Amino acid sequence: MKNSARVNFREAGKEAQAQDAAAVATQQSALAPEDAPAPAAPEQGSFNWYKNWYPVAIADDLDPLKPFATKLLGKELVVWRDAEGQWRCFQDKCPHRLAPLSEGRIEPSDGTLQCSYHGWRYSGSGTAAAIPQAHFDGEQVERTAIASKRSCVASYPTQVLLGMIWVWPESGLVAFIESAAVEPAVNQRVRDIDPGKVALTTNQNYVRDFTVAYDILYENISDQSHVPFAHHGVANNRTSPWAAHFAVTNVKGDLGSADGYMYDLEWSPDAINPPIRQRVRGVPPTYIEYFTPKENGAFTALWFHVVPLDEHTTRVFNHAVIVQPMHPALKALAAARPRWIDHMLLNEIFDGDMAYLAKASQYAKERDPGGNTWAQDYYLPAGADKSAIAFRKWYHGRGAGGYVRAAGGTPSRPPQLTREQIMDRWHQHTAHCPSCSKALARARGGQQVMAALAAAMVLLTAARLGVGAAPASLAAIGPMAAAAGALAFSRLLTRKLQAWIWR
């Protein structure tokens, strides 16, 4: 996305937020209790989980003609695009009879969001645009019902930045005013750089929902010392001479609500070359960045957004760029690489963590569901453990132990899950990724073609033998060899299909 386009969009977004704020003011008293402004964190100066931007989706991955259901901080939400091309976010609950609006549709005639239960329609600001049953009773009856604050649906500030849809998880007039003054935590280097200087993008906006608590997953992504062992043979190597080389230095924690912590990390990401130095930064509530400086201003930036959907489910976004000189032909070739290639590798990498993390999450919250006993439960003697310590100090300090406890609630214990639920790639990623779902459909089609080809070759062999061809003749062996090849390729496709569905 070019800078000029971003600036124009940002200005347009702020103007749209200002317009929405006026409309939202009319529905302020109609907010459900769970959508009222969240209570302040219990300690002065602590981080407020509800007054921040969170990415919830990649804009290009969503169908603009269909509502998208999501969660954020335990709230059920629906994201949709209105007639002006603005992405909107509502509480996923129709105020009429509480049906989920995410099961609704976008009305083609005016771009409103229609509840499929009784046909109520809503404008982008959350105010009702049409109430069919009231209209039947009379136009004035409908106008009166539409003017009522009780017919409004809670609307949340929304914007698009770096291709991601961001949501501010408070509704109401104050939320629209406050959110307009806050910038999301994003990779500023990539946001401001000339796109022509980006030689290569990797991981390509990978998104996956994990059945692991936010704090456990954020801690995991902040720590690279597990990589040679948990991801042996996939992304690193435990037999490498650099496998245990992890130097965490210059740790700066408790930097304030804008920066949770940062530190320098020395390690070998590929287990082949000698260790390099990276700067790691954690910016609450979602951002983790690994920055590798190179000569002449070149660099590699790998970043994640770790988003708490609810207490026990976390959405992870991952992307990376390499900024350095590269031959135009190589750049074009790299840019043509489909996203699903990177995503399949990332599925393998994350699956290497999930079985451990799901169980670790249960153990970490046995004595206290909020994980506040981490200092007694963890034994962290190595220098590489400083990254986990830095995160935990922020999370249980300024972060007040998570959004539930910060709002005065009581955290719940994680559920017991099967391995199939933990490793469910289809529901966690593939079903929502256009690139991977299309590749899966093509692979299934290829599998059927190969199976049909194998059957046809067997029938051809039988026909030739039936008219007198010798079993050892080319006329008989040729079709059977083709059948064997088709079956082998079909089995290969079957294994690939499995990679998109389950580990």
Protein backbone atom coordinates (compact mmCIF):
# COMPACT_ATOMS: atom_id res chain seq x y z
CA MET A 1 0.00 0.00 0.00
CA LYS A 2 1.52 3.30 -1.01
CA ASN A 3 2.02 6.06 1.54
CA SER A 4 -0.19 8.54 -0.29
CA ALA A 5 -3.01 6.04 -0.37
CA ARG A 6 -2.59 5.32 3.32
CA VAL A 7 -2.66 9.00 4.24
CA ASN A 8 -5.80 9.62 2.22
CA PHE A 9 -7.49 6.58 3.66
CA ARG A 10 -6.51 7.54 7.20
CA GLU A 11 -7.92 11.04 6.75
CA ALA A 12 -11.08 9.60 5.23
CA GLY A 13 -11.30 7.13 8.08
CA LYS A 14 -11.05 9.85 10.71
CA GLU A 15 -13.72 11.88 8.90
CA ALA A 16 -15.94 8.78 8.81
CA GLN A 17 -15.32 8.20 12.51
CA ALA A 18 -16.36 11.77 13.27
CA GLN A 19 -19.57 11.29 11.29
CA ASP A 20 -20.20 8.01 13.04
CA ALA A 21 -19.67 9.60 16.44
CA ALA A 22 -22.68 11.87 15.92
CA ALA A 23 -24.85 8.92 14.97
CA VAL A 24 -23.54 6.82 17.83
CA ALA A 25 -24.47 9.56 20.30
CA THR A 26 -28.13 8.80 19.56
CA GLN A 27 -27.71 5.20 20.71
CA GLN A 28 -25.49 5.72 23.77
CA SER A 29 -28.12 4.64 26.27
CA ALA A 30 -29.05 1.63 24.14
CA LEU A 31 -25.77 -0.18 24.78
CA ALA A 32 -26.03 -3.59 26.35
CA PRO A 33 -24.22 -3.90 29.72
CA GLU A 34 -21.29 -5.80 28.22
CA ASP A 35 -20.80 -3.04 25.63
CA ALA A 36 -20.64 -0.15 28.07
CA PRO A 37 -17.17 1.43 28.40
CA ALA A 38 -14.99 -1.03 30.26
CA PRO A 39 -14.08 -0.19 33.85
CA ALA A 40 -10.68 1.31 34.50
CA ALA A 41 -7.90 -1.08 35.41
CA PRO A 42 -7.59 -1.54 39.18
CA GLU A 43 -4.23 0.16 39.61
CA GLN A 44 -3.29 3.68 38.64
CA GLY A 45 -1.36 3.89 35.38
CA SER A 46 -2.14 0.28 34.41
CA PHE A 47 -2.80 -0.72 30.82
CA ASN A 48 -6.40 -0.39 29.63
CA TRP A 49 -7.14 -3.32 27.34
CA TYR A 50 -10.30 -1.73 25.97
CA LYS A 51 -8.77 1.55 24.81
CA ASN A 52 -6.57 0.12 22.08
CA TRP A 53 -6.78 -1.02 18.47
CA TYR A 54 -6.78 -4.73 17.61
CA PRO A 55 -6.50 -6.32 14.14
CA VAL A 56 -9.29 -8.81 13.51
CA ALA A 57 -8.92 -9.72 9.81
CA ILE A 58 -7.03 -9.20 6.56
CA ALA A 59 -9.28 -6.96 4.46
CA ASP A 60 -8.53 -8.76 1.19
CA ASP A 61 -9.40 -12.13 2.76
CA LEU A 62 -13.00 -11.13 3.51
CA ASP A 63 -15.93 -11.30 1.11
CA PRO A 64 -17.35 -7.75 0.99
CA LEU A 65 -20.79 -9.19 0.25
CA LYS A 66 -20.92 -11.29 3.44
CA PRO A 67 -20.79 -10.41 7.15
CA PHE A 68 -17.81 -11.85 9.04
CA ALA A 69 -18.26 -13.15 12.60
CA THR A 70 -15.39 -12.71 15.04
CA LYS A 71 -14.63 -12.28 18.71
CA LEU A 72 -12.49 -9.73 20.52
CA LEU A 73 -11.83 -9.65 24.27
CA GLY A 74 -14.72 -12.07 24.69
CA LYS A 75 -17.20 -9.91 22.74
CA GLU A 76 -19.18 -11.39 19.86
CA LEU A 77 -18.75 -9.05 16.87
CA VAL A 78 -19.65 -8.84 13.19
CA VAL A 79 -17.49 -7.08 10.59
CA TRP A 80 -19.00 -5.96 7.27
CA ARG A 81 -18.49 -3.43 4.46
CA ASP A 82 -21.10 -0.75 3.78
CA ALA A 83 -22.16 0.90 0.52
CA GLU A 84 -19.39 3.52 0.81
CA GLY A 85 -16.72 0.83 1.01
CA GLN A 86 -16.08 1.42 4.74
CA TRP A 87 -15.55 -1.60 6.95
CA ARG A 88 -17.84 -1.55 9.99
CA CYS A 89 -17.98 -3.51 13.23
CA PHE A 90 -21.15 -4.12 15.25
CA GLN A 91 -22.10 -6.15 18.25
CA ASP A 92 -23.22 -9.47 16.75
CA LYS A 93 -26.68 -9.21 18.24
CA CYS A 94 -29.80 -7.78 16.63
CA PRO A 95 -31.64 -5.65 19.26
CA HIS A 96 -34.99 -7.02 18.03
CA ARG A 97 -34.81 -10.67 19.09
CA LEU A 98 -31.04 -11.07 19.67
CA ALA A 99 -30.29 -13.05 16.50
CA PRO A 100 -26.65 -12.97 15.31
CA LEU A 101 -26.20 -10.34 12.60
CA SER A 102 -23.27 -12.35 11.23
CA GLU A 103 -25.88 -14.79 9.88
CA GLY A 104 -27.44 -11.92 7.93
CA ARG A 105 -26.72 -10.45 4.52
CA ILE A 106 -25.69 -7.23 2.82
CA GLU A 107 -28.70 -5.68 1.11
CA PRO A 108 -27.62 -4.92 -2.51
CA SER A 109 -30.02 -1.99 -2.98
CA ASP A 110 -28.50 0.24 -0.30
CA GLY A 111 -25.55 -1.62 1.27
CA THR A 112 -27.17 -1.96 4.69
CA LEU A 113 -26.68 -4.97 6.97
CA GLN A 114 -29.86 -7.03 7.16
CA CYS A 115 -30.71 -9.42 9.97
CA SER A 116 -31.91 -12.63 8.35
CA TYR A 117 -34.29 -13.43 11.20
CA HIS A 118 -36.89 -10.66 10.69
CA GLY A 119 -35.30 -8.47 8.03
CA TRP A 120 -34.33 -5.46 10.14
CA ARG A 121 -31.66 -3.42 8.34
CA TYR A 122 -28.88 -1.24 9.78
CA SER A 123 -26.80 1.60 8.40
CA GLY A 124 -23.05 1.85 8.93
CA SER A 125 -23.48 3.91 12.12
CA GLY A 126 -25.59 1.22 13.80
CA THR A 127 -28.92 3.00 13.53
CA ALA A 128 -31.88 1.07 12.14
CA ALA A 129 -32.62 1.80 8.48
CA ALA A 130 -35.72 -0.35 8.01
CA ILE A 131 -38.10 -2.36 10.21
CA PRO A 132 -40.44 -4.30 7.89
CA GLN A 133 -43.03 -5.28 10.51
CA ALA A 134 -43.33 -1.72 11.82
CA HIS A 135 -43.63 -0.45 8.25
CA PHE A 136 -46.62 -2.74 7.75
CA ASP A 137 -48.25 -1.03 10.74
CA GLY A 138 -47.68 2.37 9.13
CA GLU A 139 -44.86 4.63 7.99
CA GLN A 140 -45.10 6.74 11.13
CA VAL A 141 -44.89 3.63 13.29
CA GLU A 142 -41.69 2.64 11.49
CA ARG A 143 -40.21 6.15 11.79
CA THR A 144 -40.91 6.16 15.51
CA ALA A 145 -39.34 2.72 15.95
CA ILE A 146 -36.25 3.71 13.94
CA ALA A 147 -35.84 6.88 16.02
CA SER A 148 -35.82 4.85 19.24
CA LYS A 149 -32.43 4.28 20.81
CA ARG A 150 -33.49 0.72 21.51
CA SER A 151 -33.52 -0.11 17.79
CA CYS A 152 -29.80 0.73 17.45
CA VAL A 153 -27.00 -1.83 17.48
CA ALA A 154 -23.72 -1.12 19.27
CA SER A 155 -21.11 0.10 16.76
CA TYR A 156 -17.34 -0.03 17.28
CA PRO A 157 -14.65 2.23 15.76
CA THR A 158 -13.02 0.53 12.78
CA GLN A 159 -10.19 1.34 10.37
CA VAL A 160 -7.95 -0.34 7.78
CA LEU A 161 -4.18 -0.05 8.10
CA LEU A 162 -1.45 -2.10 6.38
CA GLY A 163 -4.18 -4.24 4.85
CA MET A 164 -5.66 -5.25 8.22
CA ILE A 165 -9.07 -4.37 9.65
CA TRP A 166 -8.67 -2.92 13.13
CA VAL A 167 -11.36 -2.64 15.80
CA TRP A 168 -11.51 -0.56 18.99
CA PRO A 169 -13.40 -2.76 21.50
CA GLU A 170 -15.47 0.01 23.10
CA SER A 171 -18.63 1.41 21.60
CA GLY A 172 -20.30 4.76 22.11
CA LEU A 173 -19.53 8.40 21.40
CA VAL A 174 -16.50 8.59 23.71
CA ALA A 175 -14.96 5.52 22.05
CA PHE A 176 -15.13 7.13 18.59
CA ILE A 177 -13.51 10.32 19.91
CA GLU A 178 -10.77 8.54 21.87
CA SER A 179 -9.95 6.03 19.13
CA ALA A 180 -9.43 8.79 16.54
CA ALA A 181 -6.50 10.08 18.65
CA VAL A 182 -4.72 6.71 18.95
CA GLU A 183 -2.61 5.00 16.28
CA PRO A 184 -2.53 1.20 16.11
CA ALA A 185 0.76 -0.48 16.98
CA VAL A 186 2.20 -1.44 13.59
CA ASN A 187 5.62 -1.80 11.96
CA GLN A 188 6.47 1.86 11.41
CA ARG A 189 9.47 1.10 9.18
CA VAL A 190 7.36 -0.86 6.74
CA ARG A 191 4.48 1.58 6.98
CA ASP A 192 6.64 4.51 5.87
CA ILE A 193 9.05 2.84 3.45
CA ASP A 194 8.83 3.07 -0.33
CA PRO A 195 7.21 -0.23 -1.46
CA GLY A 196 9.73 -0.38 -4.30
CA LYS A 197 12.51 -1.00 -1.78
CA VAL A 198 10.87 -4.15 -0.43
CA ALA A 199 12.71 -7.03 -2.08
CA LEU A 200 10.65 -9.87 -0.67
CA THR A 201 7.64 -10.50 1.54
CA THR A 202 7.38 -13.78 3.42
CA ASN A 203 4.70 -15.44 5.54
CA GLN A 204 2.30 -13.26 3.53
CA ASN A 205 -0.38 -12.21 6.02
CA TYR A 206 -0.75 -15.58 7.69
CA VAL A 207 -3.69 -15.68 10.11
CA ARG A 208 -4.66 -18.54 12.40
CA ASP A 209 -6.80 -18.95 15.52
CA PHE A 210 -5.30 -21.07 18.28
CA THR A 211 -7.02 -22.75 21.23
CA VAL A 212 -4.40 -21.35 23.59
CA ALA A 213 -4.64 -18.42 26.02
CA TYR A 214 -3.24 -15.06 24.91
CA ASP A 215 -0.53 -14.82 27.57
CA ILE A 216 0.83 -18.31 26.85
CA LEU A 217 0.98 -17.67 23.10
CA TYR A 218 2.43 -14.15 23.39
CA GLU A 219 5.12 -15.50 25.70
CA ASN A 220 5.88 -18.29 23.22
CA ILE A 221 6.25 -15.96 20.22
CA SER A 222 8.46 -13.63 22.29
CA ASP A 223 10.87 -16.50 23.01
CA GLN A 224 13.07 -17.98 20.27
CA SER A 225 15.12 -20.31 22.46
CA HIS A 226 12.55 -23.07 21.87
CA VAL A 227 12.89 -22.95 18.07
CA PRO A 228 15.82 -25.43 17.57
CA PHE A 229 14.03 -28.02 19.70
CA ALA A 230 10.28 -27.56 19.11
CA HIS A 231 10.82 -26.96 15.38
CA HIS A 232 13.65 -29.38 14.69
CA GLY A 233 13.70 -30.38 11.04
CA VAL A 234 11.12 -27.75 10.06
CA ALA A 235 12.57 -24.33 10.91
CA ASN A 236 15.79 -25.11 12.77
CA ASN A 237 17.98 -27.97 14.02
CA ARG A 238 18.59 -29.13 17.57
CA THR A 239 21.93 -30.72 16.54
CA SER A 240 23.31 -27.41 15.27
CA PRO A 241 26.35 -26.04 17.14
CA TRP A 242 24.28 -22.87 17.56
CA ALA A 243 21.20 -24.61 18.98
CA ALA A 244 21.73 -23.36 22.54
CA HIS A 245 23.29 -20.01 21.62
CA PHE A 246 20.79 -17.44 22.90
CA ALA A 247 22.05 -14.19 24.37
CA VAL A 248 19.32 -11.84 25.62
CA THR A 249 20.79 -8.46 26.55
CA ASN A 250 19.80 -4.82 27.02
CA VAL A 251 16.41 -5.76 28.39
CA LYS A 252 14.23 -2.72 28.94
CA GLY A 253 10.95 -3.54 30.60
CA ASP A 254 8.06 -1.58 32.07
CA LEU A 255 8.51 1.18 29.52
CA GLY A 256 4.96 2.37 29.92
CA SER A 257 1.70 1.48 28.28
CA ALA A 258 3.05 2.21 24.77
CA ASP A 259 5.99 -0.24 24.95
CA GLY A 260 5.86 -3.33 27.13
CA TYR A 261 9.51 -4.30 26.72
CA MET A 262 12.40 -4.59 24.30
CA TYR A 263 15.72 -6.41 24.22
CA ASP A 264 18.57 -7.50 21.96
CA LEU A 265 18.70 -11.14 20.91
CA GLU A 266 21.72 -13.00 19.54
CA TRP A 267 20.96 -16.37 17.90
CA SER A 268 21.09 -18.34 14.64
CA PRO A 269 17.63 -18.31 12.98
CA ASP A 270 18.59 -20.90 10.34
CA ALA A 271 20.92 -23.07 12.49
CA ILE A 272 23.44 -22.95 9.63
CA ASN A 273 25.03 -19.52 9.76
CA PRO A 274 26.64 -18.02 12.85
CA PRO A 275 24.40 -16.08 15.25
CA ILE A 276 23.12 -12.63 14.31
CA ARG A 277 21.80 -9.82 16.47
CA GLN A 278 18.16 -8.77 16.42
CA ARG A 279 16.19 -6.12 18.27
CA VAL A 280 12.97 -7.54 19.73
CA ARG A 281 10.13 -5.27 20.76
CA GLY A 282 6.80 -6.04 22.38
CA VAL A 283 4.15 -3.32 22.11
CA PRO A 284 0.88 -4.00 23.93
CA PRO A 285 -1.63 -5.23 23.34
CA THR A 286 -0.74 -7.28 20.24
CA TYR A 287 2.55 -6.40 18.54
CA ILE A 288 5.83 -8.37 18.55
CA GLU A 289 8.66 -7.41 16.17
CA TYR A 290 11.99 -9.02 15.29
CA PHE A 291 14.17 -6.46 13.50
CA THR A 292 17.46 -7.48 11.86
CA PRO A 293 19.60 -4.55 10.63
CA LYS A 294 21.93 -5.07 7.66
CA GLU A 295 24.49 -3.03 5.77
CA ASN A 296 23.60 0.14 3.85
CA GLY A 297 20.21 0.57 5.45
CA ALA A 298 18.91 -2.87 4.46
CA PHE A 299 16.94 -4.87 7.02
CA THR A 300 14.62 -7.77 7.66
CA ALA A 301 11.51 -7.25 9.76
CA LEU A 302 9.38 -10.11 11.06
CA TRP A 303 6.32 -9.23 13.07
CA PHE A 304 3.30 -10.77 14.76
CA HIS A 305 0.03 -9.53 16.15
CA VAL A 306 -1.31 -11.67 19.00
CA VAL A 307 -5.00 -10.95 19.56
CA PRO A 308 -7.09 -12.28 22.48
CA LEU A 309 -10.42 -13.36 20.97
CA ASP A 310 -11.59 -14.68 24.31
CA GLU A 311 -9.93 -16.15 27.41
CA HIS A 312 -8.83 -19.35 25.68
CA THR A 313 -8.63 -18.50 21.97
CA THR A 314 -6.00 -16.31 20.33
CA ARG A 315 -5.68 -15.07 16.76
CA VAL A 316 -2.15 -14.64 15.38
CA PHE A 317 -1.20 -12.52 12.36
CA ASN A 318 2.27 -12.98 10.86
CA HIS A 319 4.11 -11.16 8.09
CA ALA A 320 7.71 -10.35 7.18
CA VAL A 321 9.61 -8.20 4.70
CA ILE A 322 13.18 -8.08 3.45
CA VAL A 323 14.37 -4.62 2.41
CA GLN A 324 17.53 -4.81 0.32
CA PRO A 325 18.63 -4.53 -3.33
CA MET A 326 17.40 -7.40 -5.52
CA HIS A 327 17.33 -8.03 -9.25
CA PRO A 328 13.90 -7.07 -10.70
CA ALA A 329 13.44 -10.51 -12.26
CA LEU A 330 13.98 -12.20 -8.89
CA LYS A 331 11.61 -9.76 -7.20
CA ALA A 332 8.92 -10.50 -9.78
CA LEU A 333 9.42 -14.24 -9.36
CA ALA A 334 9.19 -13.99 -5.57
CA ALA A 335 6.11 -11.78 -5.76
CA ALA A 336 4.34 -14.37 -7.93
CA ARG A 337 4.72 -17.03 -5.22
CA PRO A 338 1.24 -18.03 -3.92
CA ARG A 339 0.49 -17.38 -0.26
CA TRP A 340 -0.43 -20.99 0.46
CA ILE A 341 3.20 -22.10 0.06
CA ASP A 342 4.27 -19.92 2.99
CA HIS A 343 1.15 -20.77 4.96
CA MET A 344 1.73 -24.52 4.78
CA LEU A 345 5.20 -24.08 6.28
CA LEU A 346 3.82 -21.81 9.01
CA ASN A 347 1.17 -24.39 9.85
CA GLU A 348 3.98 -26.91 10.38
CA ILE A 349 5.91 -24.46 12.54
CA PHE A 350 3.00 -23.47 14.77
CA ASP A 351 1.80 -27.06 15.12
CA GLY A 352 5.21 -27.81 16.60
CA ASP A 353 4.23 -25.60 19.55
CA MET A 354 0.54 -26.24 20.02
CA ALA A 355 0.55 -29.60 21.81
CA TYR A 356 3.02 -28.21 24.35
CA LEU A 357 1.29 -24.86 24.77
CA ALA A 358 -2.21 -26.27 25.26
CA LYS A 359 -0.99 -28.43 28.14
CA ALA A 360 1.29 -25.71 29.51
CA SER A 361 -1.69 -23.37 29.57
CA GLN A 362 -3.59 -25.84 31.76
CA TYR A 363 -0.63 -26.33 34.10
CA ALA A 364 0.11 -22.59 34.32
CA LYS A 365 -3.44 -21.86 35.45
CA GLU A 366 -3.98 -24.74 37.87
CA ARG A 367 -3.39 -22.72 41.03
CA ASP A 368 -4.64 -19.43 39.61
CA PRO A 369 -6.69 -19.23 36.37
CA GLY A 370 -5.09 -15.85 35.66
CA GLY A 371 -1.59 -17.30 35.79
CA ASN A 372 -0.44 -14.97 38.57
CA THR A 373 1.57 -17.76 40.19
CA TRP A 374 4.00 -17.83 37.24
CA ALA A 375 6.99 -16.75 39.39
CA GLN A 376 6.48 -19.78 41.63
CA ASP A 377 5.49 -22.21 38.87
CA TYR A 378 8.25 -21.32 36.36
CA TYR A 379 11.94 -22.00 36.95
CA LEU A 380 13.84 -19.54 34.75
CA PRO A 381 17.59 -19.81 35.43
CA ALA A 382 19.02 -19.09 31.94
CA GLY A 383 19.74 -15.80 30.24
CA ALA A 384 17.45 -16.86 27.39
CA ASP A 385 14.55 -16.78 29.89
CA LYS A 386 14.81 -12.99 30.21
CA SER A 387 12.34 -12.54 27.36
CA ALA A 388 9.66 -14.54 29.19
CA ILE A 389 10.40 -12.64 32.40
CA ALA A 390 10.09 -9.27 30.61
CA PHE A 391 6.69 -10.19 29.20
CA ARG A 392 5.40 -11.63 32.46
CA LYS A 393 6.42 -8.51 34.40
CA TRP A 394 4.48 -6.34 32.00
CA TYR A 395 1.47 -8.65 31.70
CA HIS A 396 0.97 -9.10 35.45
CA GLY A 397 2.03 -5.52 36.23
CA ARG A 398 0.67 -2.87 33.91
CA GLY A 399 -1.44 -5.48 32.10
CA ALA A 400 -3.11 -6.47 35.41
CA GLY A 401 -3.04 -10.15 34.41
CA GLY A 402 -5.20 -9.82 31.29
CA TYR A 403 -8.38 -8.14 30.15
CA VAL A 404 -10.73 -10.20 32.33
CA ARG A 405 -8.96 -9.48 35.60
CA ALA A 406 -8.26 -5.86 34.61
CA ALA A 407 -12.01 -5.34 34.19
CA GLY A 408 -12.72 -6.81 37.62
CA GLY A 409 -13.72 -10.27 36.39
CA THR A 410 -12.58 -13.72 37.45
CA PRO A 411 -10.57 -15.70 34.87
CA SER A 412 -11.79 -19.20 34.03
CA ARG A 413 -9.74 -22.35 33.64
CA PRO A 414 -8.79 -23.53 30.14
CA PRO A 415 -10.87 -26.33 28.61
CA GLN A 416 -9.64 -29.88 28.09
CA LEU A 417 -9.06 -30.36 24.36
CA THR A 418 -8.28 -33.32 22.15
CA ARG A 419 -5.27 -33.34 19.86
CA GLU A 420 -7.63 -33.06 16.88
CA GLN A 421 -9.12 -29.86 18.30
CA ILE A 422 -5.70 -28.39 18.99
CA MET A 423 -4.33 -29.19 15.51
CA ASP A 424 -7.48 -28.36 13.53
CA ARG A 425 -5.95 -26.45 10.61
CA TRP A 426 -9.20 -26.37 8.64
CA HIS A 427 -11.28 -24.36 11.11
CA GLN A 428 -8.33 -22.40 12.49
CA HIS A 429 -6.91 -21.27 9.13
CA THR A 430 -7.74 -22.91 5.80
CA ALA A 431 -11.50 -22.25 5.79
CA HIS A 432 -10.85 -18.50 6.16
CA CYS A 433 -7.80 -18.18 3.89
CA PRO A 434 -8.72 -17.65 0.21
CA SER A 435 -5.32 -18.84 -1.03
CA CYS A 436 -5.25 -22.06 1.00
CA SER A 437 -8.93 -22.92 0.47
CA LYS A 438 -8.58 -22.50 -3.30
CA ALA A 439 -5.40 -24.59 -3.35
CA LEU A 440 -7.24 -27.27 -1.36
CA ALA A 441 -10.10 -27.26 -3.88
CA ARG A 442 -7.64 -27.60 -6.77
CA ALA A 443 -5.85 -30.46 -5.01
CA ARG A 444 -9.15 -32.25 -4.44
CA GLY A 445 -10.00 -31.80 -8.11
CA GLY A 446 -6.59 -33.15 -9.12
CA GLN A 447 -7.03 -36.12 -6.81
CA GLN A 448 -10.32 -37.00 -8.49
CA VAL A 449 -8.81 -36.63 -11.95
CA MET A 450 -5.90 -38.93 -11.06
CA ALA A 451 -8.25 -41.53 -9.56
CA ALA A 452 -10.41 -41.43 -12.69
CA LEU A 453 -7.33 -41.70 -14.90
CA ALA A 454 -6.07 -44.73 -12.96
CA ALA A 455 -9.46 -46.43 -13.33
CA ALA A 456 -9.54 -45.70 -17.06
CA MET A 457 -6.05 -47.16 -17.54
CA VAL A 458 -7.01 -50.35 -15.69
CA LEU A 459 -10.09 -50.72 -17.92
CA LEU A 460 -7.97 -50.10 -21.01
CA THR A 461 -5.53 -52.83 -19.92
CA ALA A 462 -8.41 -55.25 -19.36
CA ALA A 463 -9.84 -54.44 -22.79
CA ARG A 464 -6.51 -55.05 -24.52
CA LEU A 465 -5.97 -58.32 -22.71
CA GLY A 466 -9.48 -59.28 -23.70
CA VAL A 467 -8.72 -58.92 -27.40
CA GLY A 468 -5.60 -61.05 -27.19
CA ALA A 469 -2.77 -58.73 -26.13
CA ALA A 470 0.07 -60.54 -24.33
CA PRO A 471 0.34 -59.67 -20.58
CA ALA A 472 4.01 -58.73 -21.05
CA SER A 473 3.37 -56.61 -24.12
CA LEU A 474 3.66 -52.86 -24.24
CA ALA A 475 -0.06 -52.65 -25.02
CA ALA A 476 -0.82 -54.11 -21.56
CA ILE A 477 2.12 -52.80 -19.52
CA GLY A 478 1.80 -49.21 -20.74
CA PRO A 479 -1.72 -48.52 -19.38
CA MET A 480 -0.90 -50.33 -16.11
CA ALA A 481 2.19 -48.19 -15.63
CA ALA A 482 0.09 -45.07 -16.25
CA ALA A 483 -2.47 -46.33 -13.72
CA ALA A 484 0.25 -46.88 -11.12
CA GLY A 485 1.63 -43.40 -11.73
CA ALA A 486 -1.84 -41.83 -11.43
CA LEU A 487 -2.49 -43.69 -8.16
CA ALA A 488 0.88 -42.60 -6.74
CA PHE A 489 0.15 -38.98 -7.62
CA SER A 490 -3.34 -39.31 -6.12
CA ARG A 491 -1.82 -40.56 -2.85
CA LEU A 492 0.60 -37.61 -2.88
CA LEU A 493 -2.34 -35.23 -3.27
CA THR A 494 -4.11 -37.01 -0.40
CA ARG A 495 -1.18 -36.24 1.88
CA LYS A 496 -1.24 -32.62 0.72
CA LEU A 497 -4.97 -32.44 1.44
CA GLN A 498 -4.25 -33.58 4.97
CA ALA A 499 -1.77 -30.74 5.39
CA TRP A 500 -4.55 -28.19 4.87
CA ILE A 501 -7.01 -29.90 7.21
CA TRP A 502 -5.14 -31.42 10.14
CA ARG A 503 -1.56 -32.08 11.09
